[in-house]
Amino acid sequence: MNRIDINKNGIKIALFGSKSVIEFEQDIINNLSLTGNESKDRLIIQQCIDDNKLKSDILYDGNTVYPFEKIVKQYRKLQKDETLDNLNENMYHFFTNACGDIAHYNIGGFKAYYNNSFRSLEIELLSKDTFIPNWHTDLDKIFKELKIGKYFKNRENINISNISLSKLKSIIEECNWNVVSEGNDWKLQFPLDSNSKFSFNIDVSNSNATSVVYNLYKYGKEFNADEYIESIIESRGNAKEPSARLIVRNADYIAHNLSKLSLDLIYKCRLAAEKISKSNNDLEFEIER
């Protein structure tokens, strides 16, 4: 990897990359009106990276200036996939260097440590209030946008009421539940085995996404596996089918899936609501312009 050093009004800036790239991009950096105030300059350089699609690794007084758009885009992709399958070296170094993670032998060891689960990475690492110096404004901007680090708790305040019921229905189906409209109700169901399904109804009349999600969460919390087992056993009749062993297994499976639905639904709805809110803000900004 090649390097070019720029000394601009006493500010030391280093560019790393291929020779042709850094020779071209040094002129762009040289033309920036930097202030000498690192907290301001890092945002100026970050904006320049995004606007000009710069490919160099840029260091300001020895510390990396992180691109905003590239990091956010790659993060959202991982968030959508919910796995670390497509984690690249760029994001691996972002998580290990910028987010305060412990050292790992390599990217494979990093994936294995978090069981290849992006949500595990968020809960175990990105929810922590990692120390960011005041001058690291470029990194703070990224953390604020992604709601990680000290901003992670802000996710709990995301209002999901702006999600339409049709969008909510599709999110529930993404969580591997089938949704059938029955008048003012939705019937949610999933297969227990090749012969039977578990289902329950929820009223969606005069409801918004928040109330529906809350009612689904409440249903899952109040599901009583013992009562379910007793009711199925009492209704078996003389055939004694299904077996008691299968009934107990199904009850545990139902409880697990209801709990998972609640967690997945809240997570996915917050992402969807955040995306809608961002789109609306961008539209309002364009209208004002």
Protein backbone atom coordinates (compact mmCIF):
# COMPACT_ATOMS: atom_id res chain seq x y z
CA MET A 1 0.00 0.00 0.00
CA ASN A 2 1.32 3.43 -0.97
CA ARG A 3 1.28 6.57 1.16
CA ILE A 4 1.26 10.30 0.54
CA ASP A 5 1.65 12.84 3.35
CA ILE A 6 0.09 16.27 3.15
CA ASN A 7 1.04 19.13 5.48
CA LYS A 8 -1.73 21.69 5.19
CA ASN A 9 -1.37 24.72 7.47
CA GLY A 10 0.39 22.58 10.06
CA ILE A 11 -2.18 19.77 9.79
CA LYS A 12 -0.77 16.34 9.01
CA ILE A 13 -2.95 14.31 6.68
CA ALA A 14 -1.94 10.92 5.24
CA LEU A 15 -3.51 9.11 2.30
CA PHE A 16 -3.10 5.35 1.84
CA GLY A 17 -4.01 3.37 -1.27
CA SER A 18 -2.87 2.60 -4.76
CA LYS A 19 -0.39 5.07 -6.24
CA SER A 20 -2.73 6.38 -8.95
CA VAL A 21 -5.63 6.85 -6.53
CA ILE A 22 -3.79 8.73 -3.80
CA GLU A 23 -1.98 10.94 -6.32
CA PHE A 24 -5.33 11.97 -7.79
CA GLU A 25 -7.13 12.36 -4.46
CA GLN A 26 -4.40 14.40 -2.75
CA ASP A 27 -5.37 17.37 -4.94
CA ILE A 28 -8.97 17.10 -3.76
CA ILE A 29 -7.87 17.11 -0.11
CA ASN A 30 -5.45 19.97 -0.74
CA ASN A 31 -8.31 22.12 -2.05
CA LEU A 32 -10.37 21.73 1.14
CA SER A 33 -10.80 24.77 3.36
CA LEU A 34 -9.71 23.17 6.61
CA THR A 35 -9.93 25.19 9.83
CA GLY A 36 -7.24 23.66 12.01
CA ASN A 37 -9.98 22.60 14.44
CA GLU A 38 -9.94 18.79 14.28
CA SER A 39 -13.57 18.30 15.30
CA LYS A 40 -14.69 20.53 12.39
CA ASP A 41 -12.09 19.33 9.92
CA ARG A 42 -12.98 15.65 10.34
CA LEU A 43 -16.57 16.39 9.27
CA ILE A 44 -15.31 18.43 6.30
CA ILE A 45 -13.08 15.56 5.17
CA GLN A 46 -15.84 13.00 5.78
CA GLN A 47 -18.22 15.00 3.60
CA CYS A 48 -15.52 15.27 0.95
CA ILE A 49 -15.04 11.49 0.99
CA ASP A 50 -18.77 10.97 0.46
CA ASP A 51 -19.23 13.68 -2.16
CA ASN A 52 -16.24 12.60 -4.25
CA LYS A 53 -16.45 8.84 -3.58
CA LEU A 54 -12.82 8.87 -2.44
CA LYS A 55 -11.14 5.48 -2.23
CA SER A 56 -8.08 6.37 -0.13
CA ASP A 57 -7.77 5.59 3.54
CA ILE A 58 -7.37 9.05 5.08
CA LEU A 59 -5.77 9.80 8.43
CA TYR A 60 -5.96 13.16 10.19
CA ASP A 61 -3.06 13.52 12.66
CA GLY A 62 -2.69 9.75 12.66
CA ASN A 63 -6.37 8.84 13.17
CA THR A 64 -8.67 7.43 10.50
CA VAL A 65 -11.45 9.61 9.11
CA TYR A 66 -14.40 7.28 8.46
CA PRO A 67 -16.68 7.67 5.42
CA PHE A 68 -20.30 8.16 6.43
CA GLU A 69 -22.28 6.85 3.46
CA LYS A 70 -20.21 3.71 2.85
CA ILE A 71 -20.24 2.63 6.52
CA VAL A 72 -23.98 3.28 6.93
CA LYS A 73 -24.84 1.45 3.69
CA GLN A 74 -22.76 -1.60 4.55
CA TYR A 75 -24.11 -1.65 8.11
CA ARG A 76 -27.73 -1.54 6.90
CA LYS A 77 -27.02 -4.45 4.55
CA LEU A 78 -25.69 -6.56 7.43
CA GLN A 79 -28.62 -5.49 9.57
CA LYS A 80 -31.10 -6.58 6.92
CA ASP A 81 -29.37 -9.94 6.38
CA GLU A 82 -29.08 -10.48 10.16
CA THR A 83 -25.95 -12.58 9.61
CA LEU A 84 -22.24 -11.86 9.26
CA ASP A 85 -21.97 -13.90 6.07
CA ASN A 86 -21.21 -10.85 3.96
CA LEU A 87 -19.03 -9.03 6.48
CA ASN A 88 -16.13 -7.51 4.57
CA GLU A 89 -12.70 -6.37 5.76
CA ASN A 90 -13.81 -2.72 5.76
CA MET A 91 -16.63 -3.31 8.25
CA TYR A 92 -14.56 -5.82 10.22
CA HIS A 93 -11.97 -3.11 10.85
CA PHE A 94 -14.71 -0.59 11.66
CA PHE A 95 -16.13 -2.88 14.36
CA THR A 96 -12.74 -3.82 15.81
CA ASN A 97 -11.02 -0.43 15.58
CA ALA A 98 -13.82 2.13 15.92
CA CYS A 99 -16.32 0.29 18.12
CA GLY A 100 -13.95 -0.81 20.87
CA ASP A 101 -14.06 -4.55 20.24
CA ILE A 102 -11.44 -6.94 21.55
CA ALA A 103 -8.75 -8.15 19.16
CA HIS A 104 -9.53 -11.16 17.01
CA TYR A 105 -7.15 -13.38 15.13
CA ASN A 106 -8.97 -12.76 11.84
CA ILE A 107 -12.35 -12.03 10.34
CA GLY A 108 -13.30 -15.71 10.55
CA GLY A 109 -12.64 -15.71 14.29
CA PHE A 110 -14.72 -12.53 14.62
CA LYS A 111 -17.70 -14.15 12.92
CA ALA A 112 -17.37 -17.27 15.04
CA TYR A 113 -17.18 -15.24 18.26
CA TYR A 114 -20.60 -13.73 17.52
CA ASN A 115 -22.03 -17.03 16.19
CA ASN A 116 -22.30 -15.39 12.77
CA SER A 117 -25.25 -13.38 14.11
CA PHE A 118 -25.38 -9.66 13.42
CA ARG A 119 -27.95 -9.17 16.15
CA SER A 120 -25.60 -10.82 18.65
CA LEU A 121 -22.90 -8.38 17.54
CA GLU A 122 -25.27 -5.47 18.18
CA ILE A 123 -26.33 -6.71 21.61
CA GLU A 124 -22.88 -7.74 22.85
CA LEU A 125 -20.76 -4.96 21.35
CA LEU A 126 -22.63 -2.17 19.63
CA SER A 127 -25.04 -1.53 22.49
CA LYS A 128 -22.13 -0.50 24.73
CA ASP A 129 -21.32 3.16 25.28
CA THR A 130 -17.91 3.08 23.63
CA PHE A 131 -15.75 6.07 24.48
CA ILE A 132 -15.39 8.47 21.58
CA PRO A 133 -13.18 11.57 22.00
CA ASN A 134 -14.97 14.87 21.37
CA TRP A 135 -12.81 15.52 18.33
CA HIS A 136 -13.90 12.23 16.68
CA THR A 137 -16.95 13.94 15.17
CA ASP A 138 -16.99 11.81 12.02
CA LEU A 139 -17.37 8.64 14.07
CA ASP A 140 -19.95 10.23 16.38
CA LYS A 141 -22.06 11.14 13.33
CA ILE A 142 -22.02 7.50 12.18
CA PHE A 143 -22.89 6.19 15.66
CA LYS A 144 -25.79 8.63 15.91
CA GLU A 145 -27.19 7.62 12.51
CA LEU A 146 -26.94 3.90 13.24
CA LYS A 147 -28.07 4.26 16.86
CA ILE A 148 -25.14 2.36 18.28
CA GLY A 149 -22.87 3.04 21.23
CA LYS A 150 -24.24 5.81 23.44
CA TYR A 151 -27.18 6.21 21.02
CA PHE A 152 -28.27 2.56 21.16
CA LYS A 153 -31.03 3.23 23.71
CA ASN A 154 -32.61 5.67 21.25
CA ARG A 155 -33.92 2.65 19.37
CA GLU A 156 -36.45 2.12 22.14
CA ASN A 157 -37.96 5.53 21.38
CA ILE A 158 -38.58 4.85 17.69
CA ASN A 159 -42.29 5.29 16.99
CA ILE A 160 -43.59 2.41 14.88
CA SER A 161 -47.10 3.86 14.47
CA ASN A 162 -46.27 5.18 10.99
CA ILE A 163 -45.97 1.62 9.68
CA SER A 164 -49.07 0.64 7.70
CA LEU A 165 -50.94 -2.54 8.63
CA SER A 166 -50.13 -4.01 5.23
CA LYS A 167 -46.42 -3.42 5.88
CA LEU A 168 -46.79 -4.90 9.35
CA LYS A 169 -48.46 -7.97 7.86
CA SER A 170 -45.51 -8.48 5.50
CA ILE A 171 -43.05 -8.10 8.40
CA ILE A 172 -44.90 -10.78 10.38
CA GLU A 173 -44.68 -13.05 7.35
CA GLU A 174 -40.94 -12.32 7.16
CA CYS A 175 -40.82 -13.79 10.67
CA ASN A 176 -42.08 -17.09 9.19
CA TRP A 177 -45.70 -16.79 10.31
CA ASN A 178 -48.61 -17.04 7.90
CA VAL A 179 -51.20 -14.25 8.21
CA VAL A 180 -54.80 -14.73 7.00
CA SER A 181 -57.29 -11.85 7.09
CA GLU A 182 -60.65 -12.84 8.58
CA GLY A 183 -62.88 -9.79 8.75
CA ASN A 184 -61.56 -7.57 11.52
CA ASP A 185 -59.11 -10.26 12.63
CA TRP A 186 -55.79 -11.62 11.52
CA LYS A 187 -55.20 -15.30 11.98
CA LEU A 188 -51.52 -15.99 12.65
CA GLN A 189 -50.37 -19.54 12.14
CA PHE A 190 -47.30 -21.73 11.63
CA PRO A 191 -46.93 -25.50 11.17
CA LEU A 192 -46.19 -27.72 14.16
CA ASP A 193 -45.63 -30.78 12.00
CA SER A 194 -46.86 -32.25 8.73
CA ASN A 195 -50.35 -32.81 10.17
CA SER A 196 -51.11 -29.85 12.39
CA LYS A 197 -50.72 -26.10 12.79
CA PHE A 198 -50.82 -23.66 15.68
CA SER A 199 -52.90 -20.55 15.16
CA PHE A 200 -54.50 -17.70 17.04
CA ASN A 201 -56.52 -14.63 16.11
CA ILE A 202 -55.89 -11.00 16.87
CA ASP A 203 -58.25 -8.06 16.37
CA VAL A 204 -56.85 -5.41 14.02
CA SER A 205 -59.93 -3.23 13.65
CA ASN A 206 -59.28 0.41 14.55
CA SER A 207 -55.66 -0.54 15.28
CA ASN A 208 -52.29 0.82 14.29
CA ALA A 209 -48.98 -1.01 14.14
CA THR A 210 -48.07 -0.10 17.73
CA SER A 211 -51.23 -1.58 19.24
CA VAL A 212 -51.06 -4.73 17.09
CA VAL A 213 -47.42 -5.35 18.01
CA TYR A 214 -48.23 -4.75 21.68
CA ASN A 215 -51.14 -7.19 21.56
CA LEU A 216 -48.97 -9.83 19.87
CA TYR A 217 -46.31 -9.31 22.52
CA LYS A 218 -48.95 -9.56 25.26
CA TYR A 219 -50.34 -12.77 23.77
CA GLY A 220 -46.90 -14.34 23.71
CA LYS A 221 -46.15 -13.33 27.31
CA GLU A 222 -49.47 -14.73 28.51
CA PHE A 223 -49.26 -18.02 26.60
CA ASN A 224 -49.43 -20.80 29.19
CA ALA A 225 -47.77 -24.00 27.95
CA ASP A 226 -49.27 -26.11 30.77
CA GLU A 227 -52.81 -24.97 29.98
CA TYR A 228 -52.21 -25.66 26.29
CA ILE A 229 -50.99 -29.19 27.07
CA GLU A 230 -53.99 -29.92 29.28
CA SER A 231 -56.48 -28.63 26.71
CA ILE A 232 -54.98 -30.75 23.90
CA ILE A 233 -54.87 -33.88 26.07
CA GLU A 234 -58.51 -33.41 27.07
CA SER A 235 -59.58 -33.06 23.44
CA ARG A 236 -57.71 -36.11 22.15
CA GLY A 237 -60.59 -38.57 22.46
CA ASN A 238 -60.15 -42.32 22.51
CA ALA A 239 -57.47 -42.39 19.81
CA LYS A 240 -54.97 -40.81 22.19
CA GLU A 241 -53.44 -38.90 19.29
CA PRO A 242 -51.23 -36.92 19.28
CA SER A 243 -49.00 -38.53 21.90
CA ALA A 244 -48.35 -36.78 25.22
CA ARG A 245 -44.68 -36.50 24.28
CA LEU A 246 -45.56 -34.72 21.02
CA ILE A 247 -48.00 -32.38 22.78
CA VAL A 248 -45.36 -31.30 25.28
CA ARG A 249 -42.81 -30.81 22.50
CA ASN A 250 -45.29 -28.73 20.50
CA ALA A 251 -46.13 -26.59 23.54
CA ASP A 252 -42.46 -25.75 24.05
CA TYR A 253 -42.10 -25.06 20.32
CA ILE A 254 -45.09 -22.70 20.37
CA ALA A 255 -43.76 -20.81 23.40
CA HIS A 256 -40.36 -20.46 21.72
CA ASN A 257 -41.86 -19.20 18.45
CA LEU A 258 -44.14 -16.70 20.19
CA SER A 259 -41.18 -15.28 22.12
CA LYS A 260 -39.07 -15.12 18.97
CA LEU A 261 -41.91 -13.43 17.07
CA SER A 262 -42.13 -10.69 19.69
CA LEU A 263 -38.40 -9.95 19.60
CA ASP A 264 -38.08 -10.17 15.81
CA LEU A 265 -41.20 -8.10 15.21
CA ILE A 266 -40.14 -5.22 17.44
CA TYR A 267 -36.65 -5.21 15.90
CA LYS A 268 -37.86 -5.30 12.29
CA CYS A 269 -40.63 -2.76 12.90
CA ARG A 270 -38.17 -0.28 14.37
CA LEU A 271 -35.95 -0.63 11.32
CA ALA A 272 -38.92 -0.15 8.99
CA ALA A 273 -40.20 2.87 10.96
CA GLU A 274 -36.74 4.43 10.98
CA LYS A 275 -36.47 3.99 7.22
CA ILE A 276 -39.89 5.59 6.66
CA SER A 277 -39.00 8.50 8.94
CA LYS A 278 -35.70 9.02 7.12
CA SER A 279 -37.46 9.00 3.75
CA ASN A 280 -40.02 11.55 4.97
CA ASN A 281 -37.29 13.81 6.34
CA ASP A 282 -35.38 13.61 3.07
CA LEU A 283 -38.55 14.44 1.14
CA GLU A 284 -39.30 17.44 3.37
CA PHE A 285 -35.72 18.65 2.89
CA GLU A 286 -36.04 18.40 -0.91
CA ILE A 287 -39.36 20.27 -0.84
CA GLU A 288 -37.80 23.06 1.25
CA ARG A 289 -34.90 23.27 -1.21
